[in-house]
Amino acid sequence: MLPHRLDLDGGPFVVDRARAQDVPAVVALLRDDALGAGREAGADELGPYLRAFAAVDADPHQLLVVVRDATDAVVATLQLTLLHGLSRGGATRLQVEAVRVASTARGAGLGAALLAWAVDHGRARGAVLAQLTTDLRRTDAHRFYERLGWVHSHAGMKLDLR
């Protein structure tokens, strides 16, 4: 299923498994907004990200993907995790995290196409439910997800363990 080509008005894009050399570009996407700029490290502090990438990449239940444009530049990313559980009759869930599309690649349908690909990826692996979390302050993202059919059905909570 990977790599997967997306033909959109903005040109051809390719969804692919992230590689270690993609980590700086992924971190740049994570930093490219007001929330991420305040919590993500700079390009000179990639050690923790590279270690996290190695752990994610080694886990068969996780997939970090990047989307490349026609110039091979990384213009989008997301992380998928298959969660096996006992609830819902032993259902597998697809957790979608860290969805980012570069500002230069927005408006051509890339985010919607990437999420549709992610849902298909989860469904093909037995997931019966897709879920994502998004910061409450990301109101534009909420409207985007709702337009794609995602529903606010639960309230999430976090506890900082540091």
C-alpha atoms as a PDB file:
ATOM      1  CA  MET A   1       0.000   0.000   0.000  1.00  0.00           C
ATOM      2  CA  LEU A   2       3.014   2.304   0.312  1.00  0.00           C
ATOM      3  CA  PRO A   3       4.155   4.321  -1.444  1.00  0.00           C
ATOM      4  CA  HIS A   4       0.758   5.616  -2.536  1.00  0.00           C
ATOM      5  CA  ARG A   5       0.266   8.303  -5.181  1.00  0.00           C
ATOM      6  CA  LEU A   6      -2.302  11.061  -4.713  1.00  0.00           C
ATOM      7  CA  ASP A   7      -3.174  12.977  -7.883  1.00  0.00           C
ATOM      8  CA  LEU A   8      -4.598  16.336  -6.862  1.00  0.00           C
ATOM      9  CA  ASP A   9      -5.000  19.753  -8.476  1.00  0.00           C
ATOM     10  CA  GLY A  10      -1.835  20.878  -6.703  1.00  0.00           C
ATOM     11  CA  GLY A  11       0.116  18.176  -8.507  1.00  0.00           C
ATOM     12  CA  PRO A  12       1.074  14.614  -7.734  1.00  0.00           C
ATOM     13  CA  PHE A  13       1.896  13.762  -4.137  1.00  0.00           C
ATOM     14  CA  VAL A  14       3.262  10.529  -2.730  1.00  0.00           C
ATOM     15  CA  VAL A  15       2.349   9.128   0.693  1.00  0.00           C
ATOM     16  CA  ASP A  16       5.225   7.051   2.020  1.00  0.00           C
ATOM     17  CA  ARG A  17       6.664   5.607   5.196  1.00  0.00           C
ATOM     18  CA  ALA A  18       8.889   8.199   6.862  1.00  0.00           C
ATOM     19  CA  ARG A  19      12.614   7.564   6.970  1.00  0.00           C
ATOM     20  CA  ALA A  20      15.144   8.798   9.513  1.00  0.00           C
ATOM     21  CA  GLN A  21      16.326  11.457   7.071  1.00  0.00           C
ATOM     22  CA  ASP A  22      12.754  12.848   7.022  1.00  0.00           C
ATOM     23  CA  VAL A  23      12.795  13.631  10.750  1.00  0.00           C
ATOM     24  CA  PRO A  24      14.053  17.246  10.362  1.00  0.00           C
ATOM     25  CA  ALA A  25      11.276  17.984   7.846  1.00  0.00           C
ATOM     26  CA  VAL A  26       8.639  16.379  10.093  1.00  0.00           C
ATOM     27  CA  VAL A  27       9.842  18.409  13.077  1.00  0.00           C
ATOM     28  CA  ALA A  28       9.699  21.548  10.939  1.00  0.00           C
ATOM     29  CA  LEU A  29       6.051  20.760  10.127  1.00  0.00           C
ATOM     30  CA  LEU A  30       5.314  20.192  13.823  1.00  0.00           C
ATOM     31  CA  ARG A  31       6.899  23.573  14.649  1.00  0.00           C
ATOM     32  CA  ASP A  32       5.070  25.436  11.888  1.00  0.00           C
ATOM     33  CA  ASP A  33       2.239  26.889  13.959  1.00  0.00           C
ATOM     34  CA  ALA A  34       1.786  28.863  17.165  1.00  0.00           C
ATOM     35  CA  LEU A  35       1.292  25.790  19.364  1.00  0.00           C
ATOM     36  CA  GLY A  36       4.108  23.722  17.882  1.00  0.00           C
ATOM     37  CA  ALA A  37       6.578  26.601  17.861  1.00  0.00           C
ATOM     38  CA  GLY A  38       6.287  26.770  21.630  1.00  0.00           C
ATOM     39  CA  ARG A  39       6.681  23.083  22.379  1.00  0.00           C
ATOM     40  CA  GLU A  40       8.910  21.579  19.674  1.00  0.00           C
ATOM     41  CA  ALA A  41      12.695  21.878  19.691  1.00  0.00           C
ATOM     42  CA  GLY A  42      14.715  23.479  16.935  1.00  0.00           C
ATOM     43  CA  ALA A  43      16.620  21.747  14.162  1.00  0.00           C
ATOM     44  CA  ASP A  44      19.758  21.703  16.310  1.00  0.00           C
ATOM     45  CA  GLU A  45      18.059  19.452  18.902  1.00  0.00           C
ATOM     46  CA  LEU A  46      16.992  16.436  16.849  1.00  0.00           C
ATOM     47  CA  GLY A  47      18.339  13.710  19.184  1.00  0.00           C
ATOM     48  CA  PRO A  48      15.070  13.062  21.035  1.00  0.00           C
ATOM     49  CA  TYR A  49      13.114  13.072  17.763  1.00  0.00           C
ATOM     50  CA  LEU A  50      15.493  10.584  16.134  1.00  0.00           C
ATOM     51  CA  ARG A  51      15.214   8.262  19.145  1.00  0.00           C
ATOM     52  CA  ALA A  52      11.422   8.549  19.069  1.00  0.00           C
ATOM     53  CA  PHE A  53      11.425   7.895  15.326  1.00  0.00           C
ATOM     54  CA  ALA A  54      13.462   4.711  15.835  1.00  0.00           C
ATOM     55  CA  ALA A  55      10.942   3.461  18.412  1.00  0.00           C
ATOM     56  CA  VAL A  56       7.933   4.312  16.225  1.00  0.00           C
ATOM     57  CA  ASP A  57       9.529   2.797  13.142  1.00  0.00           C
ATOM     58  CA  ALA A  58      10.325  -0.446  14.989  1.00  0.00           C
ATOM     59  CA  ASP A  59       6.766  -0.850  16.312  1.00  0.00           C
ATOM     60  CA  PRO A  60       4.581  -2.858  13.890  1.00  0.00           C
ATOM     61  CA  HIS A  61       1.452  -1.154  15.248  1.00  0.00           C
ATOM     62  CA  GLN A  62       2.671   2.334  14.378  1.00  0.00           C
ATOM     63  CA  LEU A  63       3.315   4.105  11.112  1.00  0.00           C
ATOM     64  CA  LEU A  64       4.738   7.565  10.603  1.00  0.00           C
ATOM     65  CA  VAL A  65       4.053   8.770   7.090  1.00  0.00           C
ATOM     66  CA  VAL A  66       5.225  11.723   5.071  1.00  0.00           C
ATOM     67  CA  VAL A  67       3.805  13.155   1.903  1.00  0.00           C
ATOM     68  CA  ARG A  68       6.245  14.298  -0.762  1.00  0.00           C
ATOM     69  CA  ASP A  69       5.478  16.728  -3.555  1.00  0.00           C
ATOM     70  CA  ALA A  70       6.773  16.546  -7.124  1.00  0.00           C
ATOM     71  CA  THR A  71      10.136  17.985  -5.979  1.00  0.00           C
ATOM     72  CA  ASP A  72      10.449  15.266  -3.273  1.00  0.00           C
ATOM     73  CA  ALA A  73       9.964  17.843  -0.505  1.00  0.00           C
ATOM     74  CA  VAL A  74       8.065  16.693   2.600  1.00  0.00           C
ATOM     75  CA  VAL A  75       4.829  18.704   2.657  1.00  0.00           C
ATOM     76  CA  ALA A  76       2.649  16.720   5.088  1.00  0.00           C
ATOM     77  CA  THR A  77       2.821  14.108   7.814  1.00  0.00           C
ATOM     78  CA  LEU A  78       0.733  12.106  10.223  1.00  0.00           C
ATOM     79  CA  GLN A  79       1.244   9.217  12.619  1.00  0.00           C
ATOM     80  CA  LEU A  80      -1.031   6.187  12.766  1.00  0.00           C
ATOM     81  CA  THR A  81      -1.313   3.681  15.596  1.00  0.00           C
ATOM     82  CA  LEU A  82      -3.402   0.530  15.617  1.00  0.00           C
ATOM     83  CA  LEU A  83      -4.868   0.067  19.097  1.00  0.00           C
ATOM     84  CA  HIS A  84      -6.172  -3.381  19.935  1.00  0.00           C
ATOM     85  CA  GLY A  85      -8.653  -3.452  22.788  1.00  0.00           C
ATOM     86  CA  LEU A  86     -11.395  -5.371  24.490  1.00  0.00           C
ATOM     87  CA  SER A  87     -14.099  -2.707  24.264  1.00  0.00           C
ATOM     88  CA  ARG A  88     -16.498  -2.657  21.331  1.00  0.00           C
ATOM     89  CA  GLY A  89     -16.276  -6.429  21.093  1.00  0.00           C
ATOM     90  CA  GLY A  90     -12.488  -6.594  20.913  1.00  0.00           C
ATOM     91  CA  ALA A  91     -12.273  -3.899  18.262  1.00  0.00           C
ATOM     92  CA  THR A  92      -9.149  -2.463  16.722  1.00  0.00           C
ATOM     93  CA  ARG A  93      -9.034   1.328  16.550  1.00  0.00           C
ATOM     94  CA  LEU A  94      -6.964   3.549  14.323  1.00  0.00           C
ATOM     95  CA  GLN A  95      -5.450   6.458  16.243  1.00  0.00           C
ATOM     96  CA  VAL A  96      -4.475   9.415  14.058  1.00  0.00           C
ATOM     97  CA  GLU A  97      -1.980  11.889  15.508  1.00  0.00           C
ATOM     98  CA  ALA A  98       0.186  14.845  14.536  1.00  0.00           C
ATOM     99  CA  VAL A  99      -1.560  15.679  11.269  1.00  0.00           C
ATOM    100  CA  ARG A 100       0.278  18.528   9.582  1.00  0.00           C
ATOM    101  CA  VAL A 101       0.178  19.973   6.075  1.00  0.00           C
ATOM    102  CA  ALA A 102       2.678  22.653   5.081  1.00  0.00           C
ATOM    103  CA  SER A 103       1.075  26.043   4.533  1.00  0.00           C
ATOM    104  CA  THR A 104       2.425  25.995   0.967  1.00  0.00           C
ATOM    105  CA  ALA A 105       0.485  22.783   0.217  1.00  0.00           C
ATOM    106  CA  ARG A 106      -2.868  23.729   1.735  1.00  0.00           C
ATOM    107  CA  GLY A 107      -6.001  24.348  -0.274  1.00  0.00           C
ATOM    108  CA  ALA A 108      -5.480  21.635  -2.886  1.00  0.00           C
ATOM    109  CA  GLY A 109      -7.268  18.872  -0.962  1.00  0.00           C
ATOM    110  CA  LEU A 110      -4.090  17.223   0.307  1.00  0.00           C
ATOM    111  CA  GLY A 111      -5.217  17.040   3.951  1.00  0.00           C
ATOM    112  CA  ALA A 112      -8.543  15.460   3.020  1.00  0.00           C
ATOM    113  CA  ALA A 113      -6.874  13.001   0.640  1.00  0.00           C
ATOM    114  CA  LEU A 114      -4.273  12.075   3.263  1.00  0.00           C
ATOM    115  CA  LEU A 115      -6.929  11.419   5.907  1.00  0.00           C
ATOM    116  CA  ALA A 116      -8.981   9.363   3.445  1.00  0.00           C
ATOM    117  CA  TRP A 117      -5.860   7.314   2.732  1.00  0.00           C
ATOM    118  CA  ALA A 118      -5.267   6.899   6.499  1.00  0.00           C
ATOM    119  CA  VAL A 119      -8.813   5.646   7.073  1.00  0.00           C
ATOM    120  CA  ASP A 120      -8.439   3.155   4.221  1.00  0.00           C
ATOM    121  CA  HIS A 121      -5.097   2.036   5.688  1.00  0.00           C
ATOM    122  CA  GLY A 122      -6.720   1.382   9.073  1.00  0.00           C
ATOM    123  CA  ARG A 123      -9.753  -0.345   7.610  1.00  0.00           C
ATOM    124  CA  ALA A 124      -7.480  -2.661   5.579  1.00  0.00           C
ATOM    125  CA  ARG A 125      -5.813  -3.663   8.860  1.00  0.00           C
ATOM    126  CA  GLY A 126      -9.052  -4.460  10.657  1.00  0.00           C
ATOM    127  CA  ALA A 127      -9.770  -1.145  12.363  1.00  0.00           C
ATOM    128  CA  VAL A 128     -13.482  -0.548  12.923  1.00  0.00           C
ATOM    129  CA  LEU A 129     -13.125   2.947  14.358  1.00  0.00           C
ATOM    130  CA  ALA A 130     -10.805   5.853  13.589  1.00  0.00           C
ATOM    131  CA  GLN A 131     -10.124   8.433  16.255  1.00  0.00           C
ATOM    132  CA  LEU A 132      -7.925  11.462  16.553  1.00  0.00           C
ATOM    133  CA  THR A 133      -7.046  14.077  19.070  1.00  0.00           C
ATOM    134  CA  THR A 134      -6.591  17.730  18.321  1.00  0.00           C
ATOM    135  CA  ASP A 135      -5.814  20.589  20.642  1.00  0.00           C
ATOM    136  CA  LEU A 136      -8.923  22.532  21.669  1.00  0.00           C
ATOM    137  CA  ARG A 137      -7.248  25.734  20.452  1.00  0.00           C
ATOM    138  CA  ARG A 138      -7.051  24.398  16.861  1.00  0.00           C
ATOM    139  CA  THR A 139     -10.501  25.626  15.832  1.00  0.00           C
ATOM    140  CA  ASP A 140      -9.639  25.666  12.114  1.00  0.00           C
ATOM    141  CA  ALA A 141      -8.559  22.018  12.376  1.00  0.00           C
ATOM    142  CA  HIS A 142     -11.842  21.168  14.138  1.00  0.00           C
ATOM    143  CA  ARG A 143     -13.849  22.663  11.266  1.00  0.00           C
ATOM    144  CA  PHE A 144     -11.692  20.765   8.770  1.00  0.00           C
ATOM    145  CA  TYR A 145     -12.195  17.399  10.517  1.00  0.00           C
ATOM    146  CA  GLU A 146     -15.929  17.987  10.927  1.00  0.00           C
ATOM    147  CA  ARG A 147     -16.240  18.797   7.226  1.00  0.00           C
ATOM    148  CA  LEU A 148     -14.712  15.360   6.552  1.00  0.00           C
ATOM    149  CA  GLY A 149     -17.278  13.625   8.776  1.00  0.00           C
ATOM    150  CA  TRP A 150     -15.322  13.312  12.020  1.00  0.00           C
ATOM    151  CA  VAL A 151     -17.583  13.792  15.054  1.00  0.00           C
ATOM    152  CA  HIS A 152     -16.902  15.242  18.496  1.00  0.00           C
ATOM    153  CA  SER A 153     -18.009  12.225  20.524  1.00  0.00           C
ATOM    154  CA  HIS A 154     -15.687  12.143  23.536  1.00  0.00           C
ATOM    155  CA  ALA A 155     -13.766  14.523  25.761  1.00  0.00           C
ATOM    156  CA  GLY A 156     -10.100  13.751  26.151  1.00  0.00           C
ATOM    157  CA  MET A 157      -7.827  14.542  29.041  1.00  0.00           C
ATOM    158  CA  LYS A 158      -4.053  14.568  29.451  1.00  0.00           C
ATOM    159  CA  LEU A 159      -1.700  14.430  32.396  1.00  0.00           C
ATOM    160  CA  ASP A 160       1.856  15.695  31.993  1.00  0.00           C
ATOM    161  CA  LEU A 161       4.158  13.043  33.473  1.00  0.00           C
ATOM    162  CA  ARG A 162       7.378  15.043  33.394  1.00  0.00           C
END
